[in-house]
């Protein structure tokens, strides 16, 4: 007997992932990973971002790639183009030409 269509259980949803970047234009050559995690840690990163008016940019593949990096490391050159697009987004939200930029990337 064949199972009914749609009776297979749905796969478990993947936990949310978030990575926070900080870019000090006067000190660093690239943005720094300052927080990263999935599940509850990702939720906390997103809550802190919301409480502090830090922009959140949704890019699943970039959030996952950055999530593989060590805390305190700089964004590697192979991700510069993708992160540059995020920086353009952040600048478009706040055009006061900050010396330091903070942002969070999430995968949802």
C-alpha atoms as a PDB file:
ATOM      1  CA  UNK A   1       0.000   0.000   0.000  1.00  0.00           C
ATOM      2  CA  UNK A   2       1.380   3.390  -1.012  1.00  0.00           C
ATOM      3  CA  UNK A   3       1.431   6.246   1.491  1.00  0.00           C
ATOM      4  CA  UNK A   4      -0.882   9.144   0.750  1.00  0.00           C
ATOM      5  CA  UNK A   5       0.668  12.094  -0.996  1.00  0.00           C
ATOM      6  CA  UNK A   6       1.656  14.766   1.450  1.00  0.00           C
ATOM      7  CA  UNK A   7       1.679  12.334   4.359  1.00  0.00           C
ATOM      8  CA  UNK A   8       5.467  12.374   4.632  1.00  0.00           C
ATOM      9  CA  UNK A   9       6.694  14.432   7.547  1.00  0.00           C
ATOM     10  CA  UNK A  10       8.079  17.844   6.723  1.00  0.00           C
ATOM     11  CA  UNK A  11      11.795  18.262   7.252  1.00  0.00           C
ATOM     12  CA  UNK A  12      12.765  20.150  10.379  1.00  0.00           C
ATOM     13  CA  UNK A  13      13.309  23.829   9.604  1.00  0.00           C
ATOM     14  CA  UNK A  14      16.917  24.902   9.854  1.00  0.00           C
ATOM     15  CA  UNK A  15      17.701  27.183  12.788  1.00  0.00           C
ATOM     16  CA  UNK A  16      18.021  30.853  12.039  1.00  0.00           C
ATOM     17  CA  UNK A  17      21.533  32.140  11.487  1.00  0.00           C
ATOM     18  CA  UNK A  18      22.806  35.685  12.010  1.00  0.00           C
ATOM     19  CA  UNK A  19      26.227  37.276  11.736  1.00  0.00           C
ATOM     20  CA  UNK A  20      27.055  40.771  12.983  1.00  0.00           C
ATOM     21  CA  UNK A  21      29.713  42.839  11.260  1.00  0.00           C
ATOM     22  CA  UNK A  22      31.466  45.993  12.379  1.00  0.00           C
ATOM     23  CA  UNK A  23      33.547  48.090  10.010  1.00  0.00           C
ATOM     24  CA  UNK A  24      35.825  50.794  11.385  1.00  0.00           C
ATOM     25  CA  UNK A  25      36.837  52.637   8.244  1.00  0.00           C
ATOM     26  CA  UNK A  26      39.874  54.210   9.920  1.00  0.00           C
ATOM     27  CA  UNK A  27      41.274  51.055  11.531  1.00  0.00           C
ATOM     28  CA  UNK A  28      40.400  48.034   9.403  1.00  0.00           C
ATOM     29  CA  UNK A  29      40.805  47.008   5.778  1.00  0.00           C
ATOM     30  CA  UNK A  30      37.593  44.955   5.898  1.00  0.00           C
ATOM     31  CA  UNK A  31      34.575  44.431   8.171  1.00  0.00           C
ATOM     32  CA  UNK A  32      35.113  42.329  11.307  1.00  0.00           C
ATOM     33  CA  UNK A  33      32.908  39.453  12.501  1.00  0.00           C
ATOM     34  CA  UNK A  34      31.773  40.591  15.966  1.00  0.00           C
ATOM     35  CA  UNK A  35      28.977  38.074  16.640  1.00  0.00           C
ATOM     36  CA  UNK A  36      27.685  34.974  14.925  1.00  0.00           C
ATOM     37  CA  UNK A  37      25.388  32.117  15.746  1.00  0.00           C
ATOM     38  CA  UNK A  38      22.296  30.117  14.997  1.00  0.00           C
ATOM     39  CA  UNK A  39      19.076  29.376  16.833  1.00  0.00           C
ATOM     40  CA  UNK A  40      18.780  31.255  20.123  1.00  0.00           C
ATOM     41  CA  UNK A  41      22.114  33.017  19.598  1.00  0.00           C
ATOM     42  CA  UNK A  42      20.892  34.315  16.230  1.00  0.00           C
ATOM     43  CA  UNK A  43      17.671  35.518  17.853  1.00  0.00           C
ATOM     44  CA  UNK A  44      19.690  37.397  20.494  1.00  0.00           C
ATOM     45  CA  UNK A  45      21.890  38.995  17.815  1.00  0.00           C
ATOM     46  CA  UNK A  46      18.756  40.138  15.977  1.00  0.00           C
ATOM     47  CA  UNK A  47      17.193  41.451  19.216  1.00  0.00           C
ATOM     48  CA  UNK A  48      20.322  43.472  20.029  1.00  0.00           C
ATOM     49  CA  UNK A  49      20.319  44.838  16.480  1.00  0.00           C
ATOM     50  CA  UNK A  50      16.674  45.899  16.796  1.00  0.00           C
ATOM     51  CA  UNK A  51      17.235  47.513  20.205  1.00  0.00           C
ATOM     52  CA  UNK A  52      20.188  49.507  18.870  1.00  0.00           C
ATOM     53  CA  UNK A  53      18.779  50.430  15.444  1.00  0.00           C
ATOM     54  CA  UNK A  54      21.453  48.358  13.696  1.00  0.00           C
ATOM     55  CA  UNK A  55      20.398  47.515  10.133  1.00  0.00           C
ATOM     56  CA  UNK A  56      19.599  43.891   9.322  1.00  0.00           C
ATOM     57  CA  UNK A  57      20.220  42.629   5.789  1.00  0.00           C
ATOM     58  CA  UNK A  58      18.744  39.315   4.662  1.00  0.00           C
ATOM     59  CA  UNK A  59      21.068  37.222   2.534  1.00  0.00           C
ATOM     60  CA  UNK A  60      20.987  33.503   3.333  1.00  0.00           C
ATOM     61  CA  UNK A  61      24.111  32.458   1.440  1.00  0.00           C
ATOM     62  CA  UNK A  62      26.217  35.356   2.713  1.00  0.00           C
ATOM     63  CA  UNK A  63      25.000  34.907   6.299  1.00  0.00           C
ATOM     64  CA  UNK A  64      25.946  31.232   6.142  1.00  0.00           C
ATOM     65  CA  UNK A  65      29.357  31.938   4.572  1.00  0.00           C
ATOM     66  CA  UNK A  66      30.156  34.583   7.185  1.00  0.00           C
ATOM     67  CA  UNK A  67      28.880  32.276   9.919  1.00  0.00           C
ATOM     68  CA  UNK A  68      31.732  29.881   9.120  1.00  0.00           C
ATOM     69  CA  UNK A  69      34.350  32.487  10.053  1.00  0.00           C
ATOM     70  CA  UNK A  70      35.967  32.911  13.465  1.00  0.00           C
ATOM     71  CA  UNK A  71      34.818  35.743  15.738  1.00  0.00           C
ATOM     72  CA  UNK A  72      37.189  38.667  15.412  1.00  0.00           C
ATOM     73  CA  UNK A  73      38.285  37.722  11.909  1.00  0.00           C
ATOM     74  CA  UNK A  74      38.014  40.099   8.973  1.00  0.00           C
ATOM     75  CA  UNK A  75      35.825  39.363   5.973  1.00  0.00           C
ATOM     76  CA  UNK A  76      38.035  37.527   3.448  1.00  0.00           C
ATOM     77  CA  UNK A  77      38.678  38.991  -0.022  1.00  0.00           C
ATOM     78  CA  UNK A  78      36.493  36.388  -1.760  1.00  0.00           C
ATOM     79  CA  UNK A  79      33.450  37.848   0.053  1.00  0.00           C
ATOM     80  CA  UNK A  80      34.282  41.540  -0.537  1.00  0.00           C
ATOM     81  CA  UNK A  81      31.853  41.923  -3.462  1.00  0.00           C
ATOM     82  CA  UNK A  82      28.913  40.455  -1.542  1.00  0.00           C
ATOM     83  CA  UNK A  83      29.694  42.476   1.593  1.00  0.00           C
ATOM     84  CA  UNK A  84      30.104  45.631  -0.534  1.00  0.00           C
ATOM     85  CA  UNK A  85      26.466  45.223  -1.587  1.00  0.00           C
ATOM     86  CA  UNK A  86      25.490  45.125   2.089  1.00  0.00           C
ATOM     87  CA  UNK A  87      27.544  48.258   2.761  1.00  0.00           C
ATOM     88  CA  UNK A  88      25.726  50.064  -0.060  1.00  0.00           C
ATOM     89  CA  UNK A  89      22.429  49.042   1.566  1.00  0.00           C
ATOM     90  CA  UNK A  90      23.556  50.321   4.983  1.00  0.00           C
ATOM     91  CA  UNK A  91      24.825  53.611   3.535  1.00  0.00           C
ATOM     92  CA  UNK A  92      21.499  54.113   1.751  1.00  0.00           C
ATOM     93  CA  UNK A  93      19.720  53.914   5.118  1.00  0.00           C
ATOM     94  CA  UNK A  94      21.999  56.373   6.887  1.00  0.00           C
ATOM     95  CA  UNK A  95      23.850  58.905   4.805  1.00  0.00           C
ATOM     96  CA  UNK A  96      25.690  60.653   7.644  1.00  0.00           C
ATOM     97  CA  UNK A  97      29.021  59.130   6.535  1.00  0.00           C
ATOM     98  CA  UNK A  98      29.769  57.347   9.764  1.00  0.00           C
ATOM     99  CA  UNK A  99      33.339  56.381  10.532  1.00  0.00           C
ATOM    100  CA  UNK A 100      32.109  53.062  11.883  1.00  0.00           C
ATOM    101  CA  UNK A 101      29.399  50.827  10.461  1.00  0.00           C
ATOM    102  CA  UNK A 102      27.506  48.057  12.230  1.00  0.00           C
ATOM    103  CA  UNK A 103      25.208  45.604  10.495  1.00  0.00           C
ATOM    104  CA  UNK A 104      23.676  42.167  10.921  1.00  0.00           C
ATOM    105  CA  UNK A 105      23.140  39.595   8.191  1.00  0.00           C
ATOM    106  CA  UNK A 106      20.551  36.895   8.624  1.00  0.00           C
ATOM    107  CA  UNK A 107      19.478  33.936   6.593  1.00  0.00           C
ATOM    108  CA  UNK A 108      15.681  34.329   6.818  1.00  0.00           C
END
